[in-house]
């Protein structure tokens, strides 16, 4: 049985954006969401939304 490599975001808009990311960005997203949820104590939905913004910022820095 195939196990998914990444946990799919709960929010549909976040999940749609996540699907468009490359592998490095997906890895970065998953780590940021986990830190925000488990270390900062945010809900999963909050953590996922903020992690997506982190990824967008990271991608902009990566391009420059």
PDB file of N, CA and C in Angstrom:
ATOM      1  N   UNK A   1       0.845  -1.179   0.000  1.00  0.00           N
ATOM      2  CA  UNK A   1       0.000   0.000   0.000  1.00  0.00           C
ATOM      3  C   UNK A   1       0.887   1.237   0.000  1.00  0.00           C
ATOM      4  N   UNK A   2       0.559   2.203  -0.832  1.00  0.00           N
ATOM      5  CA  UNK A   2       1.318   3.438  -0.906  1.00  0.00           C
ATOM      6  C   UNK A   2       0.909   4.378   0.218  1.00  0.00           C
ATOM      7  N   UNK A   3       1.898   4.894   0.903  1.00  0.00           N
ATOM      8  CA  UNK A   3       1.666   5.864   1.968  1.00  0.00           C
ATOM      9  C   UNK A   3       1.986   7.237   1.399  1.00  0.00           C
ATOM     10  N   UNK A   4       1.074   8.200   1.571  1.00  0.00           N
ATOM     11  CA  UNK A   4       1.353   9.526   1.034  1.00  0.00           C
ATOM     12  C   UNK A   4       2.607  10.120   1.682  1.00  0.00           C
ATOM     13  N   UNK A   5       3.395  10.824   0.883  1.00  0.00           N
ATOM     14  CA  UNK A   5       4.619  11.435   1.390  1.00  0.00           C
ATOM     15  C   UNK A   5       4.303  12.648   2.262  1.00  0.00           C
ATOM     16  N   UNK A   6       3.247  13.373   1.927  1.00  0.00           N
ATOM     17  CA  UNK A   6       2.876  14.589   2.647  1.00  0.00           C
ATOM     18  C   UNK A   6       1.435  14.501   3.136  1.00  0.00           C
ATOM     19  N   UNK A   7       1.190  15.161   4.259  1.00  0.00           N
ATOM     20  CA  UNK A   7      -0.165  15.269   4.783  1.00  0.00           C
ATOM     21  C   UNK A   7      -0.865  16.385   4.017  1.00  0.00           C
ATOM     22  N   UNK A   8      -2.021  16.085   3.468  1.00  0.00           N
ATOM     23  CA  UNK A   8      -2.758  17.081   2.684  1.00  0.00           C
ATOM     24  C   UNK A   8      -3.394  18.110   3.611  1.00  0.00           C
ATOM     25  N   UNK A   9      -3.253  19.400   3.298  1.00  0.00           N
ATOM     26  CA  UNK A   9      -3.886  20.442   4.116  1.00  0.00           C
ATOM     27  C   UNK A   9      -5.401  20.278   4.162  1.00  0.00           C
ATOM     28  N   UNK A  10      -5.979  20.682   5.283  1.00  0.00           N
ATOM     29  CA  UNK A  10      -7.431  20.556   5.468  1.00  0.00           C
ATOM     30  C   UNK A  10      -8.219  21.561   4.635  1.00  0.00           C
ATOM     31  N   UNK A  11      -7.760  22.796   4.598  1.00  0.00           N
ATOM     32  CA  UNK A  11      -8.451  23.854   3.871  1.00  0.00           C
ATOM     33  C   UNK A  11      -8.267  23.647   2.370  1.00  0.00           C
ATOM     34  N   UNK A  12      -9.351  23.697   1.625  1.00  0.00           N
ATOM     35  CA  UNK A  12      -9.285  23.417   0.179  1.00  0.00           C
ATOM     36  C   UNK A  12      -8.399  24.397  -0.575  1.00  0.00           C
ATOM     37  N   UNK A  13      -8.484  25.684  -0.247  1.00  0.00           N
ATOM     38  CA  UNK A  13      -7.659  26.674  -0.936  1.00  0.00           C
ATOM     39  C   UNK A  13      -6.180  26.458  -0.632  1.00  0.00           C
ATOM     40  N   UNK A  14      -5.863  26.159   0.618  1.00  0.00           N
ATOM     41  CA  UNK A  14      -4.477  25.883   0.988  1.00  0.00           C
ATOM     42  C   UNK A  14      -4.013  24.605   0.293  1.00  0.00           C
ATOM     43  N   UNK A  15      -4.869  23.596   0.254  1.00  0.00           N
ATOM     44  CA  UNK A  15      -4.522  22.330  -0.404  1.00  0.00           C
ATOM     45  C   UNK A  15      -4.278  22.530  -1.894  1.00  0.00           C
ATOM     46  N   UNK A  16      -5.099  23.350  -2.541  1.00  0.00           N
ATOM     47  CA  UNK A  16      -4.903  23.621  -3.971  1.00  0.00           C
ATOM     48  C   UNK A  16      -3.562  24.316  -4.213  1.00  0.00           C
ATOM     49  N   UNK A  17      -3.213  25.267  -3.360  1.00  0.00           N
ATOM     50  CA  UNK A  17      -1.924  25.959  -3.474  1.00  0.00           C
ATOM     51  C   UNK A  17      -0.780  24.982  -3.195  1.00  0.00           C
ATOM     52  N   UNK A  18      -0.961  24.120  -2.198  1.00  0.00           N
ATOM     53  CA  UNK A  18       0.053  23.123  -1.849  1.00  0.00           C
ATOM     54  C   UNK A  18       0.338  22.205  -3.038  1.00  0.00           C
ATOM     55  N   UNK A  19      -0.690  21.809  -3.743  1.00  0.00           N
ATOM     56  CA  UNK A  19      -0.529  20.912  -4.898  1.00  0.00           C
ATOM     57  C   UNK A  19       0.349  21.519  -5.993  1.00  0.00           C
ATOM     58  N   UNK A  20       0.421  22.836  -6.045  1.00  0.00           N
ATOM     59  CA  UNK A  20       1.207  23.517  -7.075  1.00  0.00           C
ATOM     60  C   UNK A  20       2.682  23.679  -6.695  1.00  0.00           C
ATOM     61  N   UNK A  21       3.043  23.357  -5.460  1.00  0.00           N
ATOM     62  CA  UNK A  21       4.414  23.557  -4.986  1.00  0.00           C
ATOM     63  C   UNK A  21       5.350  22.471  -5.491  1.00  0.00           C
ATOM     64  N   UNK A  22       6.627  22.817  -5.620  1.00  0.00           N
ATOM     65  CA  UNK A  22       7.626  21.800  -5.947  1.00  0.00           C
ATOM     66  C   UNK A  22       7.974  21.019  -4.672  1.00  0.00           C
ATOM     67  N   UNK A  23       8.754  19.988  -4.806  1.00  0.00           N
ATOM     68  CA  UNK A  23       9.058  19.100  -3.661  1.00  0.00           C
ATOM     69  C   UNK A  23       9.749  19.838  -2.516  1.00  0.00           C
ATOM     70  N   UNK A  24      10.684  20.724  -2.834  1.00  0.00           N
ATOM     71  CA  UNK A  24      11.369  21.472  -1.775  1.00  0.00           C
ATOM     72  C   UNK A  24      10.395  22.361  -1.012  1.00  0.00           C
ATOM     73  N   UNK A  25       9.515  23.017  -1.731  1.00  0.00           N
ATOM     74  CA  UNK A  25       8.542  23.900  -1.094  1.00  0.00           C
ATOM     75  C   UNK A  25       7.539  23.096  -0.261  1.00  0.00           C
ATOM     76  N   UNK A  26       7.149  21.921  -0.734  1.00  0.00           N
ATOM     77  CA  UNK A  26       6.242  21.076   0.051  1.00  0.00           C
ATOM     78  C   UNK A  26       6.902  20.640   1.356  1.00  0.00           C
ATOM     79  N   UNK A  27       8.169  20.288   1.285  1.00  0.00           N
ATOM     80  CA  UNK A  27       8.905  19.894   2.488  1.00  0.00           C
ATOM     81  C   UNK A  27       8.986  21.062   3.469  1.00  0.00           C
ATOM     82  N   UNK A  28       9.321  22.245   2.962  1.00  0.00           N
ATOM     83  CA  UNK A  28       9.392  23.443   3.792  1.00  0.00           C
ATOM     84  C   UNK A  28       8.033  23.718   4.424  1.00  0.00           C
ATOM     85  N   UNK A  29       6.974  23.631   3.637  1.00  0.00           N
ATOM     86  CA  UNK A  29       5.605  23.856   4.131  1.00  0.00           C
ATOM     87  C   UNK A  29       5.272  22.904   5.272  1.00  0.00           C
ATOM     88  N   UNK A  30       5.535  21.622   5.083  1.00  0.00           N
ATOM     89  CA  UNK A  30       5.191  20.623   6.098  1.00  0.00           C
ATOM     90  C   UNK A  30       5.917  20.901   7.413  1.00  0.00           C
ATOM     91  N   UNK A  31       7.177  21.272   7.320  1.00  0.00           N
ATOM     92  CA  UNK A  31       7.945  21.576   8.534  1.00  0.00           C
ATOM     93  C   UNK A  31       7.402  22.810   9.233  1.00  0.00           C
ATOM     94  N   UNK A  32       7.105  23.850   8.474  1.00  0.00           N
ATOM     95  CA  UNK A  32       6.592  25.087   9.071  1.00  0.00           C
ATOM     96  C   UNK A  32       5.217  24.853   9.701  1.00  0.00           C
ATOM     97  N   UNK A  33       4.365  24.105   9.039  1.00  0.00           N
ATOM     98  CA  UNK A  33       3.042  23.821   9.599  1.00  0.00           C
ATOM     99  C   UNK A  33       3.162  23.019  10.888  1.00  0.00           C
ATOM    100  N   UNK A  34       4.062  22.053  10.920  1.00  0.00           N
ATOM    101  CA  UNK A  34       4.247  21.226  12.117  1.00  0.00           C
ATOM    102  C   UNK A  34       4.765  22.062  13.282  1.00  0.00           C
ATOM    103  N   UNK A  35       5.724  22.925  13.019  1.00  0.00           N
ATOM    104  CA  UNK A  35       6.266  23.789  14.082  1.00  0.00           C
ATOM    105  C   UNK A  35       5.175  24.686  14.639  1.00  0.00           C
ATOM    106  N   UNK A  36       4.409  25.292  13.751  1.00  0.00           N
ATOM    107  CA  UNK A  36       3.347  26.199  14.213  1.00  0.00           C
ATOM    108  C   UNK A  36       2.262  25.448  14.988  1.00  0.00           C
ATOM    109  N   UNK A  37       1.944  24.242  14.575  1.00  0.00           N
ATOM    110  CA  UNK A  37       0.898  23.488  15.255  1.00  0.00           C
ATOM    111  C   UNK A  37       1.383  22.916  16.581  1.00  0.00           C
ATOM    112  N   UNK A  38       2.507  22.237  16.571  1.00  0.00           N
ATOM    113  CA  UNK A  38       2.909  21.476  17.749  1.00  0.00           C
ATOM    114  C   UNK A  38       3.787  22.255  18.720  1.00  0.00           C
ATOM    115  N   UNK A  39       4.559  23.215  18.228  1.00  0.00           N
ATOM    116  CA  UNK A  39       5.395  23.990  19.130  1.00  0.00           C
ATOM    117  C   UNK A  39       4.760  25.318  19.514  1.00  0.00           C
ATOM    118  N   UNK A  40       4.018  25.919  18.597  1.00  0.00           N
ATOM    119  CA  UNK A  40       3.372  27.196  18.893  1.00  0.00           C
ATOM    120  C   UNK A  40       1.951  27.009  19.417  1.00  0.00           C
ATOM    121  N   UNK A  41       1.408  25.798  19.290  1.00  0.00           N
ATOM    122  CA  UNK A  41       0.090  25.509  19.842  1.00  0.00           C
ATOM    123  C   UNK A  41      -1.080  26.018  19.028  1.00  0.00           C
ATOM    124  N   UNK A  42      -0.852  26.309  17.758  1.00  0.00           N
ATOM    125  CA  UNK A  42      -1.955  26.763  16.908  1.00  0.00           C
ATOM    126  C   UNK A  42      -2.784  25.576  16.440  1.00  0.00           C
ATOM    127  N   UNK A  43      -4.005  25.872  16.015  1.00  0.00           N
ATOM    128  CA  UNK A  43      -4.821  24.810  15.427  1.00  0.00           C
ATOM    129  C   UNK A  43      -4.189  24.397  14.098  1.00  0.00           C
ATOM    130  N   UNK A  44      -4.554  23.236  13.624  1.00  0.00           N
ATOM    131  CA  UNK A  44      -4.001  22.775  12.349  1.00  0.00           C
ATOM    132  C   UNK A  44      -4.357  23.731  11.218  1.00  0.00           C
ATOM    133  N   UNK A  45      -5.594  24.208  11.189  1.00  0.00           N
ATOM    134  CA  UNK A  45      -6.007  25.135  10.129  1.00  0.00           C
ATOM    135  C   UNK A  45      -5.193  26.419  10.166  1.00  0.00           C
ATOM    136  N   UNK A  46      -5.006  26.975  11.360  1.00  0.00           N
ATOM    137  CA  UNK A  46      -4.204  28.193  11.480  1.00  0.00           C
ATOM    138  C   UNK A  46      -2.761  27.940  11.052  1.00  0.00           C
ATOM    139  N   UNK A  47      -2.205  26.838  11.525  1.00  0.00           N
ATOM    140  CA  UNK A  47      -0.823  26.501  11.210  1.00  0.00           C
ATOM    141  C   UNK A  47      -0.627  26.329   9.710  1.00  0.00           C
ATOM    142  N   UNK A  48      -1.571  25.695   9.051  1.00  0.00           N
ATOM    143  CA  UNK A  48      -1.458  25.468   7.608  1.00  0.00           C
ATOM    144  C   UNK A  48      -1.541  26.780   6.826  1.00  0.00           C
ATOM    145  N   UNK A  49      -2.449  27.660   7.228  1.00  0.00           N
ATOM    146  CA  UNK A  49      -2.564  28.948   6.523  1.00  0.00           C
ATOM    147  C   UNK A  49      -1.283  29.764   6.675  1.00  0.00           C
ATOM    148  N   UNK A  50      -0.751  29.810   7.889  1.00  0.00           N
ATOM    149  CA  UNK A  50       0.471  30.576   8.125  1.00  0.00           C
ATOM    150  C   UNK A  50       1.677  29.932   7.446  1.00  0.00           C
ATOM    151  N   UNK A  51       1.711  28.620   7.415  1.00  0.00           N
ATOM    152  CA  UNK A  51       2.811  27.924   6.744  1.00  0.00           C
ATOM    153  C   UNK A  51       2.801  28.219   5.250  1.00  0.00           C
ATOM    154  N   UNK A  52       1.628  28.339   4.659  1.00  0.00           N
ATOM    155  CA  UNK A  52       1.552  28.676   3.240  1.00  0.00           C
ATOM    156  C   UNK A  52       2.135  30.064   2.997  1.00  0.00           C
ATOM    157  N   UNK A  53       1.855  30.995   3.883  1.00  0.00           N
ATOM    158  CA  UNK A  53       2.448  32.330   3.748  1.00  0.00           C
ATOM    159  C   UNK A  53       3.964  32.260   3.916  1.00  0.00           C
ATOM    160  N   UNK A  54       4.435  31.433   4.853  1.00  0.00           N
ATOM    161  CA  UNK A  54       5.877  31.230   5.014  1.00  0.00           C
ATOM    162  C   UNK A  54       6.504  30.733   3.719  1.00  0.00           C
ATOM    163  N   UNK A  55       5.833  29.784   3.065  1.00  0.00           N
ATOM    164  CA  UNK A  55       6.350  29.229   1.813  1.00  0.00           C
ATOM    165  C   UNK A  55       6.393  30.305   0.732  1.00  0.00           C
ATOM    166  N   UNK A  56       5.354  31.087   0.642  1.00  0.00           N
ATOM    167  CA  UNK A  56       5.334  32.154  -0.372  1.00  0.00           C
ATOM    168  C   UNK A  56       6.490  33.119  -0.154  1.00  0.00           C
ATOM    169  N   UNK A  57       6.734  33.511   1.096  1.00  0.00           N
ATOM    170  CA  UNK A  57       7.853  34.397   1.417  1.00  0.00           C
ATOM    171  C   UNK A  57       9.182  33.732   1.075  1.00  0.00           C
ATOM    172  N   UNK A  58       9.309  32.461   1.427  1.00  0.00           N
ATOM    173  CA  UNK A  58      10.537  31.705   1.164  1.00  0.00           C
ATOM    174  C   UNK A  58      10.805  31.595  -0.338  1.00  0.00           C
ATOM    175  N   UNK A  59       9.761  31.347  -1.107  1.00  0.00           N
ATOM    176  CA  UNK A  59       9.922  31.244  -2.558  1.00  0.00           C
ATOM    177  C   UNK A  59      10.355  32.577  -3.169  1.00  0.00           C
ATOM    178  N   UNK A  60       9.841  33.671  -2.654  1.00  0.00           N
ATOM    179  CA  UNK A  60      10.266  34.985  -3.155  1.00  0.00           C
ATOM    180  C   UNK A  60      11.735  35.236  -2.855  1.00  0.00           C
ATOM    181  N   UNK A  61      12.177  34.840  -1.675  1.00  0.00           N
ATOM    182  CA  UNK A  61      13.595  34.999  -1.311  1.00  0.00           C
ATOM    183  C   UNK A  61      14.464  34.084  -2.159  1.00  0.00           C
ATOM    184  N   UNK A  62      13.977  32.893  -2.419  1.00  0.00           N
ATOM    185  CA  UNK A  62      14.734  31.920  -3.191  1.00  0.00           C
ATOM    186  C   UNK A  62      14.960  32.394  -4.626  1.00  0.00           C
ATOM    187  N   UNK A  63      13.999  33.144  -5.164  1.00  0.00           N
ATOM    188  CA  UNK A  63      14.104  33.638  -6.532  1.00  0.00           C
ATOM    189  C   UNK A  63      15.071  34.808  -6.658  1.00  0.00           C
ATOM    190  N   UNK A  64      15.287  35.537  -5.575  1.00  0.00           N
ATOM    191  CA  UNK A  64      16.161  36.719  -5.664  1.00  0.00           C
ATOM    192  C   UNK A  64      17.600  36.415  -5.370  1.00  0.00           C
TER     193      UNK A  64
END
